[in-house]
Amino acid sequence: MKRAPLVLLLLLVVATAAHATQIIYKSPRDLGREASLVVDGQVASVRSYWNAAHTAIFTETTVVVGSTYKGEGVGVVRVVQPGGTVGHVRTTVAGALAWQVGEEVVLFLEPGADNAWQVAGFSQGKFNIQREPGSNRVFVQAPDLSGVELVNAPADAGAPPAQIKKMSVETFINQALGRVEGGISNE
């Protein structure tokens, strides 16, 4: 009987961990090195759809590109990820990105299927852009990695929000692409 609380606690931990998606940790420098395309832009549309076999749901996000920092310049990118809602059917992938029409983002992208792109590092390669009220300063905001368990993250790395609290887009891009010495640090 004394073991019952311990067994319940263990079951709770296992059940909680089962809902997380495990991905290999990628620092912003890793993302910059590995991505084929690095851009900033604004989300123009988000739509979910069934695949041709009607066995899986995907979400396609269209981003109008403002600036290209790495790779061949493009005007628009299509980003496709698993999961989404079509009609009354919802497929959820723990850690999949949420997208909002109008949001501004910095994206680290890798080629995907059907001339689309996928976010590098699963959800680690999407950074929201925040504008400082009353000024022209823009900052990156670390991705929301809820539902993600980072594997092989260095002990001193912390979660990406701990690495990037308020950093200008320019400084972030320069550090992530190795154009300046040092790692990602707060400004």
N, C-alpha and C. Protein backbone atom coordinates (compact mmCIF):
# COMPACT_ATOMS: atom_id res chain seq x y z
N MET A 1 0.82 -1.19 0.00
CA MET A 1 0.00 0.00 0.00
C MET A 1 0.87 1.26 0.00
N LYS A 2 2.07 1.18 0.64
CA LYS A 2 2.95 2.33 0.68
C LYS A 2 3.52 2.65 -0.70
N ARG A 3 3.53 1.69 -1.59
CA ARG A 3 4.06 1.90 -2.93
C ARG A 3 3.07 2.59 -3.86
N ALA A 4 1.80 2.59 -3.52
CA ALA A 4 0.77 3.13 -4.41
C ALA A 4 1.06 4.58 -4.82
N PRO A 5 1.41 5.51 -3.90
CA PRO A 5 1.71 6.88 -4.34
C PRO A 5 2.90 6.93 -5.30
N LEU A 6 3.92 6.10 -5.05
CA LEU A 6 5.09 6.08 -5.93
C LEU A 6 4.73 5.57 -7.32
N VAL A 7 3.92 4.51 -7.36
CA VAL A 7 3.48 3.97 -8.65
C VAL A 7 2.65 4.99 -9.40
N LEU A 8 1.74 5.69 -8.72
CA LEU A 8 0.92 6.71 -9.37
C LEU A 8 1.77 7.85 -9.90
N LEU A 9 2.77 8.28 -9.13
CA LEU A 9 3.67 9.33 -9.58
C LEU A 9 4.44 8.89 -10.81
N LEU A 10 4.94 7.67 -10.81
CA LEU A 10 5.67 7.14 -11.95
C LEU A 10 4.78 7.09 -13.19
N LEU A 11 3.54 6.64 -13.04
CA LEU A 11 2.61 6.59 -14.17
C LEU A 11 2.32 7.99 -14.70
N LEU A 12 2.19 8.97 -13.82
CA LEU A 12 1.95 10.35 -14.24
C LEU A 12 3.13 10.88 -15.05
N VAL A 13 4.35 10.62 -14.60
CA VAL A 13 5.54 11.07 -15.31
C VAL A 13 5.63 10.41 -16.68
N VAL A 14 5.38 9.11 -16.75
CA VAL A 14 5.42 8.40 -18.03
C VAL A 14 4.34 8.92 -18.96
N ALA A 15 3.12 9.12 -18.46
CA ALA A 15 2.02 9.62 -19.29
C ALA A 15 2.32 11.02 -19.80
N THR A 16 2.91 11.87 -18.96
CA THR A 16 3.25 13.23 -19.38
C THR A 16 4.32 13.20 -20.45
N ALA A 17 5.35 12.39 -20.26
CA ALA A 17 6.44 12.31 -21.23
C ALA A 17 5.97 11.75 -22.57
N ALA A 18 4.95 10.90 -22.54
CA ALA A 18 4.47 10.28 -23.78
C ALA A 18 3.84 11.30 -24.72
N HIS A 19 3.45 12.47 -24.21
CA HIS A 19 2.82 13.48 -25.04
C HIS A 19 3.82 14.48 -25.62
N ALA A 20 5.09 14.33 -25.33
CA ALA A 20 6.10 15.24 -25.85
C ALA A 20 6.72 14.64 -27.11
N THR A 21 7.07 15.51 -28.03
CA THR A 21 7.80 15.10 -29.21
C THR A 21 9.28 15.31 -28.91
N GLN A 22 10.07 14.29 -29.11
CA GLN A 22 11.50 14.42 -28.88
C GLN A 22 12.18 14.86 -30.17
N ILE A 23 12.98 15.93 -30.06
CA ILE A 23 13.75 16.40 -31.19
C ILE A 23 15.17 16.71 -30.73
N ILE A 24 16.10 16.57 -31.63
CA ILE A 24 17.49 16.86 -31.31
C ILE A 24 17.67 18.37 -31.21
N TYR A 25 18.25 18.81 -30.12
CA TYR A 25 18.48 20.24 -29.88
C TYR A 25 19.33 20.84 -30.99
N LYS A 26 18.91 22.00 -31.47
CA LYS A 26 19.68 22.76 -32.45
C LYS A 26 19.82 24.18 -31.92
N SER A 27 21.03 24.64 -31.78
CA SER A 27 21.26 26.03 -31.38
C SER A 27 20.93 26.91 -32.59
N PRO A 28 20.71 28.20 -32.38
CA PRO A 28 20.53 29.07 -33.53
C PRO A 28 21.69 29.00 -34.52
N ARG A 29 22.92 28.83 -34.02
CA ARG A 29 24.08 28.68 -34.92
C ARG A 29 23.97 27.40 -35.74
N ASP A 30 23.53 26.29 -35.10
CA ASP A 30 23.30 25.03 -35.83
C ASP A 30 22.24 25.23 -36.91
N LEU A 31 21.14 25.89 -36.53
CA LEU A 31 20.07 26.15 -37.50
C LEU A 31 20.59 26.96 -38.68
N GLY A 32 21.38 27.99 -38.40
CA GLY A 32 21.94 28.83 -39.45
C GLY A 32 22.87 28.07 -40.37
N ARG A 33 23.64 27.17 -39.81
CA ARG A 33 24.59 26.38 -40.60
C ARG A 33 23.86 25.36 -41.48
N GLU A 34 22.83 24.74 -40.93
CA GLU A 34 22.16 23.63 -41.62
C GLU A 34 21.02 24.05 -42.55
N ALA A 35 20.43 25.20 -42.33
CA ALA A 35 19.28 25.63 -43.15
C ALA A 35 19.74 25.99 -44.56
N SER A 36 18.92 25.67 -45.52
CA SER A 36 19.19 26.05 -46.92
C SER A 36 18.71 27.45 -47.20
N LEU A 37 17.71 27.89 -46.45
CA LEU A 37 17.10 29.19 -46.67
C LEU A 37 16.78 29.83 -45.31
N VAL A 38 17.20 31.08 -45.14
CA VAL A 38 16.88 31.84 -43.93
C VAL A 38 16.25 33.15 -44.39
N VAL A 39 15.02 33.39 -43.94
CA VAL A 39 14.26 34.57 -44.38
C VAL A 39 13.51 35.19 -43.22
N ASP A 40 13.06 36.42 -43.44
CA ASP A 40 12.03 36.96 -42.56
C ASP A 40 10.86 37.32 -43.45
N GLY A 41 9.69 37.40 -42.86
CA GLY A 41 8.50 37.73 -43.64
C GLY A 41 7.26 37.72 -42.80
N GLN A 42 6.13 37.83 -43.49
CA GLN A 42 4.83 37.90 -42.82
C GLN A 42 3.93 36.77 -43.31
N VAL A 43 3.26 36.10 -42.36
CA VAL A 43 2.36 35.00 -42.70
C VAL A 43 1.16 35.57 -43.44
N ALA A 44 0.93 35.08 -44.67
CA ALA A 44 -0.18 35.55 -45.49
C ALA A 44 -1.39 34.63 -45.40
N SER A 45 -1.16 33.32 -45.26
CA SER A 45 -2.28 32.39 -45.17
C SER A 45 -1.86 31.11 -44.47
N VAL A 46 -2.87 30.46 -43.88
CA VAL A 46 -2.67 29.18 -43.20
C VAL A 46 -3.87 28.30 -43.58
N ARG A 47 -3.60 27.10 -44.07
CA ARG A 47 -4.70 26.20 -44.40
C ARG A 47 -4.29 24.76 -44.13
N SER A 48 -5.24 23.97 -43.69
CA SER A 48 -4.99 22.54 -43.45
C SER A 48 -5.72 21.75 -44.52
N TYR A 49 -5.16 20.58 -44.86
CA TYR A 49 -5.74 19.77 -45.94
C TYR A 49 -5.37 18.30 -45.73
N TRP A 50 -6.18 17.43 -46.34
CA TRP A 50 -5.88 15.99 -46.35
C TRP A 50 -4.83 15.71 -47.41
N ASN A 51 -3.99 14.72 -47.18
CA ASN A 51 -3.07 14.28 -48.24
C ASN A 51 -3.89 13.53 -49.31
N ALA A 52 -3.26 13.21 -50.42
CA ALA A 52 -3.97 12.59 -51.55
C ALA A 52 -4.63 11.27 -51.15
N ALA A 53 -4.00 10.50 -50.28
CA ALA A 53 -4.56 9.21 -49.87
C ALA A 53 -5.62 9.35 -48.77
N HIS A 54 -5.84 10.58 -48.29
CA HIS A 54 -6.81 10.86 -47.24
C HIS A 54 -6.48 10.09 -45.95
N THR A 55 -5.15 10.00 -45.66
CA THR A 55 -4.70 9.28 -44.47
C THR A 55 -4.03 10.19 -43.45
N ALA A 56 -3.72 11.43 -43.83
CA ALA A 56 -3.04 12.35 -42.92
C ALA A 56 -3.44 13.79 -43.26
N ILE A 57 -3.40 14.62 -42.24
CA ILE A 57 -3.70 16.05 -42.41
C ILE A 57 -2.40 16.83 -42.26
N PHE A 58 -2.22 17.81 -43.14
CA PHE A 58 -1.06 18.69 -43.11
C PHE A 58 -1.53 20.13 -43.06
N THR A 59 -0.66 21.01 -42.57
CA THR A 59 -0.95 22.44 -42.57
C THR A 59 0.07 23.13 -43.45
N GLU A 60 -0.44 23.94 -44.37
CA GLU A 60 0.41 24.72 -45.28
C GLU A 60 0.31 26.19 -44.88
N THR A 61 1.47 26.80 -44.66
CA THR A 61 1.53 28.22 -44.31
C THR A 61 2.28 28.94 -45.41
N THR A 62 1.71 30.03 -45.90
CA THR A 62 2.35 30.84 -46.94
C THR A 62 2.91 32.10 -46.28
N VAL A 63 4.19 32.34 -46.51
CA VAL A 63 4.87 33.50 -45.92
C VAL A 63 5.40 34.38 -47.05
N VAL A 64 5.02 35.66 -47.02
CA VAL A 64 5.56 36.64 -47.97
C VAL A 64 6.90 37.09 -47.42
N VAL A 65 7.96 36.86 -48.20
CA VAL A 65 9.32 37.11 -47.73
C VAL A 65 9.65 38.60 -47.79
N GLY A 66 10.22 39.10 -46.70
CA GLY A 66 10.69 40.49 -46.65
C GLY A 66 12.16 40.56 -47.00
N SER A 67 12.97 39.74 -46.32
CA SER A 67 14.42 39.71 -46.55
C SER A 67 14.90 38.27 -46.59
N THR A 68 15.90 38.01 -47.43
CA THR A 68 16.55 36.71 -47.50
C THR A 68 17.96 36.88 -46.96
N TYR A 69 18.31 36.09 -45.95
CA TYR A 69 19.62 36.18 -45.31
C TYR A 69 20.56 35.08 -45.76
N LYS A 70 19.99 33.96 -46.21
CA LYS A 70 20.79 32.84 -46.71
C LYS A 70 19.95 32.13 -47.75
N GLY A 71 20.60 31.74 -48.86
CA GLY A 71 19.90 31.02 -49.91
C GLY A 71 19.46 31.95 -51.01
N GLU A 72 18.79 31.36 -51.97
CA GLU A 72 18.32 32.11 -53.15
C GLU A 72 17.08 32.91 -52.79
N GLY A 73 17.08 34.19 -53.16
CA GLY A 73 15.96 35.07 -52.86
C GLY A 73 14.67 34.57 -53.49
N VAL A 74 13.62 34.57 -52.69
CA VAL A 74 12.29 34.18 -53.16
C VAL A 74 11.29 35.19 -52.62
N GLY A 75 10.16 35.32 -53.30
CA GLY A 75 9.14 36.27 -52.86
C GLY A 75 8.17 35.68 -51.85
N VAL A 76 7.93 34.37 -51.98
CA VAL A 76 6.97 33.68 -51.13
C VAL A 76 7.50 32.28 -50.84
N VAL A 77 7.30 31.81 -49.61
CA VAL A 77 7.63 30.42 -49.28
C VAL A 77 6.38 29.72 -48.77
N ARG A 78 6.27 28.45 -49.12
CA ARG A 78 5.21 27.58 -48.60
C ARG A 78 5.85 26.65 -47.59
N VAL A 79 5.36 26.67 -46.36
CA VAL A 79 5.88 25.81 -45.30
C VAL A 79 4.81 24.78 -44.97
N VAL A 80 5.19 23.50 -45.01
CA VAL A 80 4.23 22.43 -44.75
C VAL A 80 4.71 21.64 -43.53
N GLN A 81 3.76 21.35 -42.64
CA GLN A 81 4.06 20.56 -41.45
C GLN A 81 2.91 19.59 -41.20
N PRO A 82 3.18 18.51 -40.46
CA PRO A 82 2.10 17.56 -40.16
C PRO A 82 1.13 18.14 -39.15
N GLY A 83 -0.12 17.68 -39.25
CA GLY A 83 -1.16 18.08 -38.31
C GLY A 83 -2.01 19.22 -38.81
N GLY A 84 -3.16 19.39 -38.18
CA GLY A 84 -4.08 20.46 -38.55
C GLY A 84 -5.51 20.01 -38.36
N THR A 85 -6.43 20.88 -38.78
CA THR A 85 -7.86 20.60 -38.65
C THR A 85 -8.54 20.79 -40.00
N VAL A 86 -9.26 19.76 -40.43
CA VAL A 86 -10.07 19.83 -41.64
C VAL A 86 -11.48 19.41 -41.25
N GLY A 87 -12.41 20.34 -41.39
CA GLY A 87 -13.79 20.05 -40.97
C GLY A 87 -13.82 19.76 -39.47
N HIS A 88 -14.34 18.57 -39.13
CA HIS A 88 -14.43 18.18 -37.72
C HIS A 88 -13.31 17.23 -37.31
N VAL A 89 -12.33 17.06 -38.16
CA VAL A 89 -11.22 16.15 -37.86
C VAL A 89 -9.97 16.95 -37.57
N ARG A 90 -9.37 16.65 -36.43
CA ARG A 90 -8.14 17.34 -36.02
C ARG A 90 -7.05 16.31 -35.78
N THR A 91 -5.88 16.56 -36.36
CA THR A 91 -4.70 15.75 -36.09
C THR A 91 -3.71 16.65 -35.36
N THR A 92 -3.28 16.19 -34.20
CA THR A 92 -2.36 16.99 -33.40
C THR A 92 -1.00 16.31 -33.35
N VAL A 93 0.04 17.09 -33.58
CA VAL A 93 1.41 16.62 -33.44
C VAL A 93 2.04 17.46 -32.34
N ALA A 94 2.40 16.82 -31.23
CA ALA A 94 2.98 17.56 -30.10
C ALA A 94 4.20 18.33 -30.56
N GLY A 95 4.20 19.62 -30.27
CA GLY A 95 5.34 20.46 -30.64
C GLY A 95 5.23 21.09 -32.01
N ALA A 96 4.18 20.76 -32.77
CA ALA A 96 4.01 21.38 -34.09
C ALA A 96 3.75 22.87 -33.91
N LEU A 97 4.18 23.65 -34.87
CA LEU A 97 4.09 25.09 -34.78
C LEU A 97 2.67 25.60 -34.96
N ALA A 98 2.38 26.69 -34.27
CA ALA A 98 1.13 27.42 -34.47
C ALA A 98 1.47 28.62 -35.36
N TRP A 99 0.60 28.94 -36.27
CA TRP A 99 0.81 30.05 -37.20
C TRP A 99 -0.40 30.96 -37.14
N GLN A 100 -0.17 32.26 -37.24
CA GLN A 100 -1.25 33.25 -37.26
C GLN A 100 -1.06 34.16 -38.47
N VAL A 101 -2.12 34.34 -39.24
CA VAL A 101 -2.05 35.26 -40.37
C VAL A 101 -1.65 36.63 -39.84
N GLY A 102 -0.68 37.26 -40.49
CA GLY A 102 -0.21 38.58 -40.10
C GLY A 102 1.02 38.58 -39.21
N GLU A 103 1.33 37.45 -38.59
CA GLU A 103 2.50 37.44 -37.72
C GLU A 103 3.78 37.56 -38.55
N GLU A 104 4.78 38.23 -37.98
CA GLU A 104 6.07 38.38 -38.64
C GLU A 104 7.03 37.37 -38.03
N VAL A 105 7.83 36.74 -38.88
CA VAL A 105 8.68 35.65 -38.43
C VAL A 105 10.05 35.69 -39.11
N VAL A 106 11.03 35.08 -38.42
CA VAL A 106 12.31 34.72 -39.02
C VAL A 106 12.27 33.21 -39.11
N LEU A 107 12.55 32.67 -40.29
CA LEU A 107 12.47 31.23 -40.52
C LEU A 107 13.79 30.65 -41.00
N PHE A 108 14.17 29.53 -40.42
CA PHE A 108 15.29 28.72 -40.88
C PHE A 108 14.64 27.52 -41.56
N LEU A 109 14.85 27.36 -42.87
CA LEU A 109 14.08 26.39 -43.64
C LEU A 109 14.97 25.36 -44.33
N GLU A 110 14.39 24.17 -44.52
CA GLU A 110 15.00 23.08 -45.26
C GLU A 110 14.03 22.66 -46.35
N PRO A 111 14.54 22.17 -47.47
CA PRO A 111 13.62 21.71 -48.53
C PRO A 111 12.71 20.60 -48.03
N GLY A 112 11.45 20.67 -48.44
CA GLY A 112 10.48 19.64 -48.10
C GLY A 112 9.96 19.01 -49.38
N ALA A 113 8.86 18.33 -49.28
CA ALA A 113 8.26 17.66 -50.44
C ALA A 113 7.43 18.65 -51.26
N ASP A 114 7.24 18.33 -52.53
CA ASP A 114 6.35 19.08 -53.42
C ASP A 114 6.65 20.58 -53.48
N ASN A 115 7.93 20.94 -53.61
CA ASN A 115 8.35 22.34 -53.72
C ASN A 115 7.95 23.19 -52.52
N ALA A 116 7.78 22.56 -51.38
CA ALA A 116 7.48 23.29 -50.15
C ALA A 116 8.72 23.25 -49.27
N TRP A 117 8.66 23.97 -48.18
CA TRP A 117 9.75 24.02 -47.21
C TRP A 117 9.26 23.46 -45.90
N GLN A 118 10.20 23.03 -45.06
CA GLN A 118 9.88 22.65 -43.69
C GLN A 118 10.80 23.44 -42.77
N VAL A 119 10.31 23.70 -41.58
CA VAL A 119 11.08 24.48 -40.61
C VAL A 119 12.22 23.61 -40.09
N ALA A 120 13.43 24.13 -40.11
CA ALA A 120 14.61 23.40 -39.63
C ALA A 120 14.47 23.12 -38.14
N GLY A 121 14.94 21.96 -37.72
CA GLY A 121 14.88 21.62 -36.31
C GLY A 121 13.47 21.42 -35.80
N PHE A 122 12.57 20.99 -36.66
CA PHE A 122 11.14 20.79 -36.39
C PHE A 122 10.50 22.12 -36.04
N SER A 123 10.39 22.47 -34.77
CA SER A 123 9.79 23.76 -34.44
C SER A 123 10.82 24.77 -33.94
N GLN A 124 12.08 24.39 -33.92
CA GLN A 124 13.12 25.27 -33.38
C GLN A 124 13.48 26.40 -34.34
N GLY A 125 13.18 26.27 -35.62
CA GLY A 125 13.62 27.24 -36.62
C GLY A 125 12.63 28.33 -36.96
N LYS A 126 11.64 28.56 -36.11
CA LYS A 126 10.68 29.66 -36.30
C LYS A 126 10.80 30.62 -35.14
N PHE A 127 11.13 31.87 -35.44
CA PHE A 127 11.27 32.90 -34.41
C PHE A 127 10.32 34.04 -34.75
N ASN A 128 9.47 34.42 -33.81
CA ASN A 128 8.55 35.53 -34.05
C ASN A 128 9.29 36.86 -33.94
N ILE A 129 8.83 37.82 -34.70
CA ILE A 129 9.38 39.18 -34.65
C ILE A 129 8.43 40.05 -33.85
N GLN A 130 8.98 40.76 -32.89
CA GLN A 130 8.21 41.69 -32.07
C GLN A 130 8.70 43.10 -32.35
N ARG A 131 7.79 44.04 -32.46
CA ARG A 131 8.15 45.44 -32.69
C ARG A 131 7.99 46.22 -31.39
N GLU A 132 9.00 47.04 -31.08
CA GLU A 132 8.96 47.86 -29.88
C GLU A 132 8.02 49.03 -30.14
N PRO A 133 7.00 49.19 -29.30
CA PRO A 133 6.05 50.29 -29.50
C PRO A 133 6.77 51.65 -29.47
N GLY A 134 6.41 52.51 -30.40
CA GLY A 134 6.96 53.86 -30.43
C GLY A 134 8.35 53.99 -31.03
N SER A 135 8.88 52.90 -31.58
CA SER A 135 10.21 52.98 -32.21
C SER A 135 10.23 52.07 -33.44
N ASN A 136 11.34 52.09 -34.13
CA ASN A 136 11.50 51.22 -35.29
C ASN A 136 12.27 49.95 -34.95
N ARG A 137 12.52 49.69 -33.66
CA ARG A 137 13.31 48.53 -33.26
C ARG A 137 12.49 47.26 -33.34
N VAL A 138 13.10 46.23 -33.90
CA VAL A 138 12.45 44.92 -34.00
C VAL A 138 13.33 43.88 -33.32
N PHE A 139 12.68 42.94 -32.67
CA PHE A 139 13.37 41.91 -31.89
C PHE A 139 12.85 40.54 -32.27
N VAL A 140 13.69 39.53 -32.07
CA VAL A 140 13.22 38.15 -32.25
C VAL A 140 12.75 37.62 -30.92
N GLN A 141 11.79 36.72 -31.01
CA GLN A 141 11.28 36.03 -29.83
C GLN A 141 11.48 34.55 -30.08
N ALA A 142 12.03 33.85 -29.12
CA ALA A 142 12.30 32.42 -29.26
C ALA A 142 11.02 31.65 -29.52
N PRO A 143 11.13 30.51 -30.20
CA PRO A 143 9.94 29.72 -30.49
C PRO A 143 9.33 29.12 -29.24
N ASP A 144 8.02 28.90 -29.28
CA ASP A 144 7.33 28.22 -28.20
C ASP A 144 7.53 26.73 -28.43
N LEU A 145 8.26 26.10 -27.55
CA LEU A 145 8.56 24.68 -27.71
C LEU A 145 7.74 23.82 -26.75
N SER A 146 6.51 24.26 -26.47
CA SER A 146 5.60 23.46 -25.65
C SER A 146 5.37 22.13 -26.36
N GLY A 147 5.41 21.07 -25.62
CA GLY A 147 5.18 19.75 -26.21
C GLY A 147 6.41 19.15 -26.84
N VAL A 148 7.57 19.80 -26.65
CA VAL A 148 8.81 19.30 -27.24
C VAL A 148 9.80 18.98 -26.13
N GLU A 149 10.44 17.84 -26.25
CA GLU A 149 11.54 17.49 -25.37
C GLU A 149 12.81 17.57 -26.20
N LEU A 150 13.72 18.46 -25.82
CA LEU A 150 14.97 18.63 -26.56
C LEU A 150 15.97 17.59 -26.09
N VAL A 151 16.48 16.82 -27.05
CA VAL A 151 17.46 15.78 -26.77
C VAL A 151 18.84 16.32 -27.07
N ASN A 152 19.80 16.01 -26.23
CA ASN A 152 21.21 16.42 -26.40
C ASN A 152 21.44 17.91 -26.23
N ALA A 153 20.56 18.59 -25.52
CA ALA A 153 20.77 20.02 -25.25
C ALA A 153 21.89 20.15 -24.23
N PRO A 154 22.85 21.05 -24.46
CA PRO A 154 23.90 21.23 -23.46
C PRO A 154 23.29 21.73 -22.15
N ALA A 155 23.89 21.32 -21.05
CA ALA A 155 23.36 21.68 -19.73
C ALA A 155 23.26 23.18 -19.53
N ASP A 156 24.19 23.94 -20.12
CA ASP A 156 24.18 25.39 -19.92
C ASP A 156 23.37 26.13 -20.98
N ALA A 157 22.77 25.39 -21.91
CA ALA A 157 22.03 26.05 -23.00
C ALA A 157 20.71 26.62 -22.53
N GLY A 158 20.06 25.92 -21.61
CA GLY A 158 18.73 26.36 -21.22
C GLY A 158 17.80 26.20 -22.40
N ALA A 159 16.56 26.49 -22.22
CA ALA A 159 15.61 26.47 -23.32
C ALA A 159 15.85 27.70 -24.17
N PRO A 160 15.52 27.67 -25.45
CA PRO A 160 15.74 28.85 -26.29
C PRO A 160 15.21 30.15 -25.72
N PRO A 161 14.07 30.17 -25.01
CA PRO A 161 13.66 31.46 -24.44
C PRO A 161 14.69 32.03 -23.46
N ALA A 162 15.45 31.15 -22.81
CA ALA A 162 16.47 31.63 -21.88
C ALA A 162 17.65 32.24 -22.65
N GLN A 163 17.86 31.78 -23.89
CA GLN A 163 18.97 32.28 -24.69
C GLN A 163 18.64 33.60 -25.35
N ILE A 164 17.39 33.78 -25.73
CA ILE A 164 17.01 34.94 -26.52
C ILE A 164 15.85 35.63 -25.81
N LYS A 165 16.13 36.68 -25.11
CA LYS A 165 15.06 37.40 -24.43
C LYS A 165 14.65 38.62 -25.22
N LYS A 166 15.60 39.43 -25.60
CA LYS A 166 15.29 40.63 -26.38
C LYS A 166 16.53 40.94 -27.21
N MET A 167 16.55 40.41 -28.42
CA MET A 167 17.69 40.57 -29.30
C MET A 167 17.21 41.13 -30.63
N SER A 168 17.93 42.10 -31.16
CA SER A 168 17.54 42.66 -32.44
C SER A 168 17.63 41.58 -33.51
N VAL A 169 16.78 41.70 -34.52
CA VAL A 169 16.79 40.74 -35.62
C VAL A 169 18.16 40.72 -36.27
N GLU A 170 18.74 41.87 -36.50
CA GLU A 170 20.05 41.94 -37.16
C GLU A 170 21.13 41.22 -36.36
N THR A 171 21.20 41.47 -35.06
CA THR A 171 22.19 40.80 -34.22
C THR A 171 21.96 39.30 -34.20
N PHE A 172 20.71 38.88 -34.06
CA PHE A 172 20.37 37.47 -34.04
C PHE A 172 20.80 36.78 -35.34
N ILE A 173 20.44 37.35 -36.47
CA ILE A 173 20.80 36.76 -37.76
C ILE A 173 22.31 36.69 -37.91
N ASN A 174 23.02 37.77 -37.59
CA ASN A 174 24.48 37.77 -37.72
C ASN A 174 25.13 36.71 -36.86
N GLN A 175 24.64 36.52 -35.64
CA GLN A 175 25.21 35.49 -34.78
C GLN A 175 24.82 34.09 -35.25
N ALA A 176 23.56 33.90 -35.63
CA ALA A 176 23.10 32.58 -36.07
C ALA A 176 23.82 32.14 -37.34
N LEU A 177 24.14 33.09 -38.23
CA LEU A 177 24.82 32.73 -39.48
C LEU A 177 26.34 32.82 -39.36
N GLY A 178 26.84 33.05 -38.15
CA GLY A 178 28.26 33.06 -37.92
C GLY A 178 28.99 34.24 -38.50
N ARG A 179 28.28 35.35 -38.71
CA ARG A 179 28.90 36.55 -39.28
C ARG A 179 29.63 37.37 -38.22
N VAL A 180 29.39 37.06 -36.96
CA VAL A 180 30.07 37.70 -35.86
C VAL A 180 30.50 36.62 -34.88
N GLU A 181 31.51 36.90 -34.09
CA GLU A 181 32.01 35.94 -33.11
C GLU A 181 31.03 35.83 -31.95
N GLY A 182 31.10 34.69 -31.29
CA GLY A 182 30.28 34.50 -30.09
C GLY A 182 28.98 33.79 -30.43
N GLY A 183 28.32 33.34 -29.39
CA GLY A 183 27.05 32.66 -29.55
C GLY A 183 25.91 33.63 -29.37
N ILE A 184 24.73 33.10 -29.31
CA ILE A 184 23.55 33.92 -29.10
C ILE A 184 23.57 34.40 -27.66
N SER A 185 23.52 35.69 -27.49
CA SER A 185 23.49 36.27 -26.15
C SER A 185 22.49 37.41 -26.14
N ASN A 186 22.11 37.84 -24.98
CA ASN A 186 21.13 38.92 -24.89
C ASN A 186 21.79 40.25 -25.20
N GLU A 187 21.04 41.14 -25.79
CA GLU A 187 21.54 42.46 -26.15
C GLU A 187 21.34 43.42 -25.01
